[in-house]
N, C-alpha and C. Protein backbone atom coordinates (compact mmCIF):
# COMPACT_ATOMS: atom_id res chain seq x y z
N MET A 1 67.29 198.78 225.66
CA MET A 1 67.47 197.64 224.80
C MET A 1 66.58 197.73 223.56
N ASP A 2 65.34 198.17 223.76
CA ASP A 2 64.43 198.29 222.63
C ASP A 2 64.89 199.38 221.66
N LEU A 3 65.46 200.44 222.16
CA LEU A 3 65.94 201.51 221.29
C LEU A 3 67.10 201.04 220.43
N VAL A 4 67.95 200.19 221.01
CA VAL A 4 69.07 199.64 220.25
C VAL A 4 68.55 198.76 219.12
N LYS A 5 67.58 197.92 219.41
CA LYS A 5 67.00 197.07 218.37
C LYS A 5 66.32 197.92 217.30
N LEU A 6 65.62 198.95 217.73
CA LEU A 6 64.94 199.83 216.79
C LEU A 6 65.95 200.56 215.90
N GLY A 7 67.04 201.04 216.49
CA GLY A 7 68.09 201.72 215.72
C GLY A 7 68.76 200.78 214.75
N LEU A 8 69.01 199.55 215.16
CA LEU A 8 69.64 198.54 214.31
C LEU A 8 68.71 198.18 213.15
N TYR A 9 67.42 198.04 213.43
CA TYR A 9 66.45 197.73 212.40
C TYR A 9 66.38 198.86 211.38
N SER A 10 66.41 200.08 211.85
CA SER A 10 66.39 201.24 210.96
C SER A 10 67.62 201.27 210.07
N LEU A 11 68.77 200.94 210.61
CA LEU A 11 70.02 200.90 209.85
C LEU A 11 69.96 199.81 208.78
N ILE A 12 69.43 198.64 209.13
CA ILE A 12 69.33 197.54 208.18
C ILE A 12 68.37 197.89 207.05
N SER A 13 67.24 198.50 207.37
CA SER A 13 66.27 198.84 206.33
C SER A 13 66.84 199.93 205.40
N MET A 14 67.62 200.86 205.93
CA MET A 14 68.25 201.88 205.11
C MET A 14 69.28 201.24 204.18
N GLU A 15 69.98 200.24 204.68
CA GLU A 15 70.97 199.53 203.87
C GLU A 15 70.28 198.80 202.72
N ASN A 16 69.12 198.20 202.98
CA ASN A 16 68.37 197.53 201.92
C ASN A 16 67.89 198.55 200.87
N PHE A 17 67.49 199.71 201.33
CA PHE A 17 67.04 200.75 200.40
C PHE A 17 68.18 201.19 199.49
N THR A 18 69.36 201.36 200.04
CA THR A 18 70.49 201.81 199.22
C THR A 18 70.90 200.72 198.23
N GLN A 19 70.65 199.45 198.56
CA GLN A 19 70.95 198.38 197.62
C GLN A 19 70.01 198.41 196.42
N PHE A 20 68.77 198.81 196.64
CA PHE A 20 67.78 198.83 195.56
C PHE A 20 67.76 200.15 194.79
N THR A 21 68.46 201.15 195.25
CA THR A 21 68.49 202.45 194.60
C THR A 21 68.93 202.37 193.13
N PRO A 22 69.99 201.64 192.77
CA PRO A 22 70.35 201.56 191.35
C PRO A 22 69.25 200.96 190.48
N PHE A 23 68.53 199.97 191.01
CA PHE A 23 67.44 199.36 190.25
C PHE A 23 66.29 200.35 190.05
N LEU A 24 66.00 201.12 191.09
CA LEU A 24 64.96 202.14 190.97
C LEU A 24 65.36 203.21 189.96
N LEU A 25 66.61 203.61 189.99
CA LEU A 25 67.09 204.61 189.02
C LEU A 25 67.05 204.07 187.59
N MET A 26 67.44 202.80 187.41
CA MET A 26 67.37 202.20 186.07
C MET A 26 65.94 202.15 185.57
N PHE A 27 65.00 201.78 186.43
CA PHE A 27 63.60 201.75 186.04
C PHE A 27 63.12 203.14 185.65
N ALA A 28 63.49 204.16 186.43
CA ALA A 28 63.08 205.53 186.12
C ALA A 28 63.64 205.98 184.78
N VAL A 29 64.89 205.68 184.50
CA VAL A 29 65.51 206.07 183.23
C VAL A 29 64.82 205.36 182.07
N ILE A 30 64.59 204.06 182.22
CA ILE A 30 63.92 203.30 181.15
C ILE A 30 62.52 203.85 180.92
N TYR A 31 61.81 204.16 181.99
CA TYR A 31 60.45 204.69 181.85
C TYR A 31 60.45 206.03 181.12
N PHE A 32 61.28 206.97 181.56
CA PHE A 32 61.24 208.31 181.00
C PHE A 32 61.86 208.42 179.61
N PHE A 33 62.78 207.53 179.27
CA PHE A 33 63.42 207.63 177.95
C PHE A 33 62.89 206.64 176.93
N MET A 34 62.17 205.59 177.37
CA MET A 34 61.68 204.60 176.41
C MET A 34 60.16 204.42 176.47
N ILE A 35 59.61 204.21 177.63
CA ILE A 35 58.20 203.86 177.73
C ILE A 35 57.31 205.09 177.54
N ALA A 36 57.58 206.18 178.24
CA ALA A 36 56.74 207.37 178.16
C ALA A 36 56.69 207.96 176.74
N PRO A 37 57.82 208.11 176.04
CA PRO A 37 57.73 208.64 174.67
C PRO A 37 56.93 207.73 173.73
N GLN A 38 57.05 206.42 173.92
CA GLN A 38 56.30 205.49 173.09
C GLN A 38 54.80 205.62 173.36
N MET A 39 54.43 205.82 174.61
CA MET A 39 53.02 206.00 174.95
C MET A 39 52.48 207.31 174.37
N ARG A 40 53.30 208.38 174.38
CA ARG A 40 52.87 209.65 173.78
C ARG A 40 52.67 209.51 172.28
N LYS A 41 53.58 208.80 171.62
CA LYS A 41 53.47 208.61 170.18
C LYS A 41 52.23 207.78 169.84
N ALA A 42 51.96 206.75 170.62
CA ALA A 42 50.78 205.91 170.38
C ALA A 42 49.51 206.72 170.56
N LYS A 43 49.50 207.62 171.54
CA LYS A 43 48.33 208.47 171.77
C LYS A 43 48.12 209.42 170.60
N LYS A 44 49.20 210.01 170.06
CA LYS A 44 49.10 210.89 168.89
C LYS A 44 48.59 210.13 167.67
N GLU A 45 49.06 208.89 167.51
CA GLU A 45 48.64 208.09 166.36
C GLU A 45 47.16 207.72 166.47
N ARG A 46 46.69 207.38 167.67
CA ARG A 46 45.26 207.10 167.85
C ARG A 46 44.42 208.33 167.52
N LYS A 47 44.88 209.50 167.96
CA LYS A 47 44.14 210.74 167.67
C LYS A 47 44.15 211.01 166.16
N PHE A 48 45.28 210.78 165.50
CA PHE A 48 45.38 210.97 164.05
C PHE A 48 44.37 210.08 163.34
N LEU A 49 44.28 208.82 163.75
CA LEU A 49 43.37 207.89 163.08
C LEU A 49 41.91 208.21 163.35
N THR A 50 41.59 208.71 164.53
CA THR A 50 40.20 209.07 164.81
C THR A 50 39.81 210.37 164.10
N ASP A 51 40.77 211.26 163.87
CA ASP A 51 40.49 212.52 163.18
C ASP A 51 40.50 212.39 161.66
N LEU A 52 40.82 211.21 161.15
CA LEU A 52 40.88 210.97 159.72
C LEU A 52 39.50 211.16 159.11
N LYS A 53 39.43 211.84 157.96
CA LYS A 53 38.14 212.06 157.32
C LYS A 53 38.26 211.84 155.82
N THR A 54 37.12 211.73 155.17
CA THR A 54 37.07 211.50 153.73
C THR A 54 37.74 212.67 153.01
N GLY A 55 38.58 212.33 152.04
CA GLY A 55 39.27 213.35 151.25
C GLY A 55 40.70 213.60 151.70
N ASP A 56 41.09 213.10 152.87
CA ASP A 56 42.46 213.29 153.35
C ASP A 56 43.44 212.49 152.49
N ARG A 57 44.57 213.11 152.19
CA ARG A 57 45.64 212.40 151.48
C ARG A 57 46.47 211.66 152.51
N VAL A 58 46.73 210.38 152.26
CA VAL A 58 47.44 209.55 153.22
C VAL A 58 48.52 208.72 152.52
N VAL A 59 49.45 208.23 153.33
CA VAL A 59 50.47 207.30 152.88
C VAL A 59 50.36 206.06 153.76
N MET A 60 50.31 204.91 153.13
CA MET A 60 50.22 203.66 153.87
C MET A 60 51.62 203.29 154.38
N LYS A 61 51.69 202.41 155.36
CA LYS A 61 52.98 201.98 155.90
C LYS A 61 53.79 201.23 154.85
N SER A 62 53.13 200.71 153.84
CA SER A 62 53.84 200.02 152.76
C SER A 62 54.40 201.01 151.73
N GLY A 63 54.01 202.29 151.84
CA GLY A 63 54.51 203.31 150.93
C GLY A 63 53.50 203.74 149.88
N MET A 64 52.34 203.12 149.84
CA MET A 64 51.32 203.45 148.84
C MET A 64 50.64 204.78 149.20
N HIS A 65 50.52 205.65 148.21
CA HIS A 65 49.88 206.95 148.40
C HIS A 65 48.44 206.88 147.90
N GLY A 66 47.56 207.65 148.53
CA GLY A 66 46.18 207.68 148.08
C GLY A 66 45.37 208.72 148.84
N ARG A 67 44.08 208.70 148.56
CA ARG A 67 43.15 209.63 149.20
C ARG A 67 42.04 208.80 149.84
N VAL A 68 41.65 209.15 151.06
CA VAL A 68 40.61 208.41 151.77
C VAL A 68 39.27 208.65 151.06
N ASN A 69 38.62 207.55 150.67
CA ASN A 69 37.36 207.63 149.96
C ASN A 69 36.19 207.33 150.89
N HIS A 70 36.35 206.38 151.79
CA HIS A 70 35.28 205.99 152.71
C HIS A 70 35.91 205.41 153.97
N ILE A 71 35.31 205.69 155.13
CA ILE A 71 35.80 205.16 156.41
C ILE A 71 34.68 204.34 157.04
N ASN A 72 34.99 203.11 157.41
CA ASN A 72 34.04 202.24 158.10
C ASN A 72 34.51 202.12 159.55
N MET A 73 33.88 202.88 160.43
CA MET A 73 34.29 202.90 161.84
C MET A 73 33.99 201.57 162.53
N LYS A 74 32.93 200.89 162.11
CA LYS A 74 32.55 199.64 162.75
C LYS A 74 33.61 198.56 162.53
N GLU A 75 34.12 198.45 161.31
CA GLU A 75 35.14 197.45 160.99
C GLU A 75 36.55 197.96 161.23
N GLY A 76 36.73 199.28 161.34
CA GLY A 76 38.06 199.84 161.50
C GLY A 76 38.84 199.84 160.19
N THR A 77 38.13 199.95 159.09
CA THR A 77 38.76 199.93 157.78
C THR A 77 38.46 201.22 157.04
N CYS A 78 39.18 201.44 155.96
CA CYS A 78 38.90 202.58 155.08
C CYS A 78 39.22 202.17 153.65
N ILE A 79 38.56 202.84 152.74
CA ILE A 79 38.81 202.61 151.32
C ILE A 79 39.67 203.76 150.82
N ILE A 80 40.83 203.39 150.26
CA ILE A 80 41.79 204.37 149.77
C ILE A 80 41.72 204.37 148.25
N GLU A 81 41.58 205.55 147.69
CA GLU A 81 41.55 205.68 146.23
C GLU A 81 42.96 206.03 145.75
N THR A 82 43.50 205.17 144.91
CA THR A 82 44.83 205.38 144.34
C THR A 82 44.70 205.45 142.82
N THR A 83 45.81 205.64 142.14
CA THR A 83 45.77 205.65 140.68
C THR A 83 45.44 204.26 140.13
N ALA A 84 45.67 203.22 140.93
CA ALA A 84 45.36 201.85 140.50
C ALA A 84 43.91 201.48 140.75
N GLY A 85 43.20 202.27 141.51
CA GLY A 85 41.80 201.97 141.83
C GLY A 85 41.55 202.17 143.31
N LYS A 86 40.43 201.59 143.77
CA LYS A 86 40.07 201.70 145.18
C LYS A 86 40.47 200.43 145.91
N LEU A 87 41.14 200.61 147.04
CA LEU A 87 41.63 199.48 147.84
C LEU A 87 41.16 199.63 149.28
N LYS A 88 40.83 198.50 149.90
CA LYS A 88 40.36 198.51 151.29
C LYS A 88 41.52 198.14 152.21
N PHE A 89 41.75 198.97 153.23
CA PHE A 89 42.84 198.76 154.19
C PHE A 89 42.30 198.90 155.61
N ASN A 90 43.02 198.31 156.55
CA ASN A 90 42.78 198.62 157.96
C ASN A 90 43.29 200.03 158.23
N LYS A 91 42.59 200.76 159.08
CA LYS A 91 43.03 202.13 159.38
C LYS A 91 44.40 202.14 160.05
N SER A 92 44.73 201.07 160.75
CA SER A 92 46.01 201.03 161.46
C SER A 92 47.19 200.96 160.51
N MET A 93 46.95 200.69 159.22
CA MET A 93 48.03 200.60 158.24
C MET A 93 48.41 201.98 157.67
N ILE A 94 47.72 203.02 158.08
CA ILE A 94 48.04 204.37 157.61
C ILE A 94 49.18 204.92 158.45
N SER A 95 50.20 205.42 157.79
CA SER A 95 51.37 205.96 158.48
C SER A 95 51.13 207.42 158.85
N MET A 96 51.14 207.71 160.13
CA MET A 96 50.92 209.08 160.60
C MET A 96 52.06 210.00 160.18
N ASP A 97 53.30 209.56 160.38
CA ASP A 97 54.44 210.41 160.08
C ASP A 97 54.52 210.73 158.58
N ALA A 98 54.40 209.72 157.74
CA ALA A 98 54.49 209.94 156.29
C ALA A 98 53.31 210.77 155.79
N SER A 99 52.11 210.55 156.34
CA SER A 99 50.95 211.32 155.91
C SER A 99 51.07 212.78 156.31
N ASN A 100 51.62 213.03 157.48
CA ASN A 100 51.82 214.42 157.91
C ASN A 100 52.86 215.11 157.01
N GLU A 101 53.90 214.39 156.62
CA GLU A 101 54.90 214.97 155.70
C GLU A 101 54.27 215.29 154.35
N LEU A 102 53.39 214.42 153.87
CA LEU A 102 52.73 214.62 152.58
C LEU A 102 51.82 215.84 152.62
N ASN A 103 51.16 216.08 153.71
CA ASN A 103 50.16 217.16 153.81
C ASN A 103 50.75 218.48 154.28
N LYS A 104 52.05 218.59 154.44
CA LYS A 104 52.67 219.86 154.86
C LYS A 104 52.53 220.92 153.79
């Protein structure tokens, strides 16, 4: 009698697992195609911003071009020298993709 109950319980739990399989597969697809690439890109951008040094040519996310004149690590800002003068920006406003294209 106990073996029958145990076998029935095993069958029911396997049925529950097969019901959740599509949800697990959807989560895996979303993770590998959306979340993981975004995390890799964010990691590259953080490395780009920490490796930034005085004299680097950069492009801001707004499209403004300039050269890094001074970096303030404490405030997380930098002074960009453009043809219009020197402007203070947050480091996070520097576009990694556009700056890499400019420096190729």
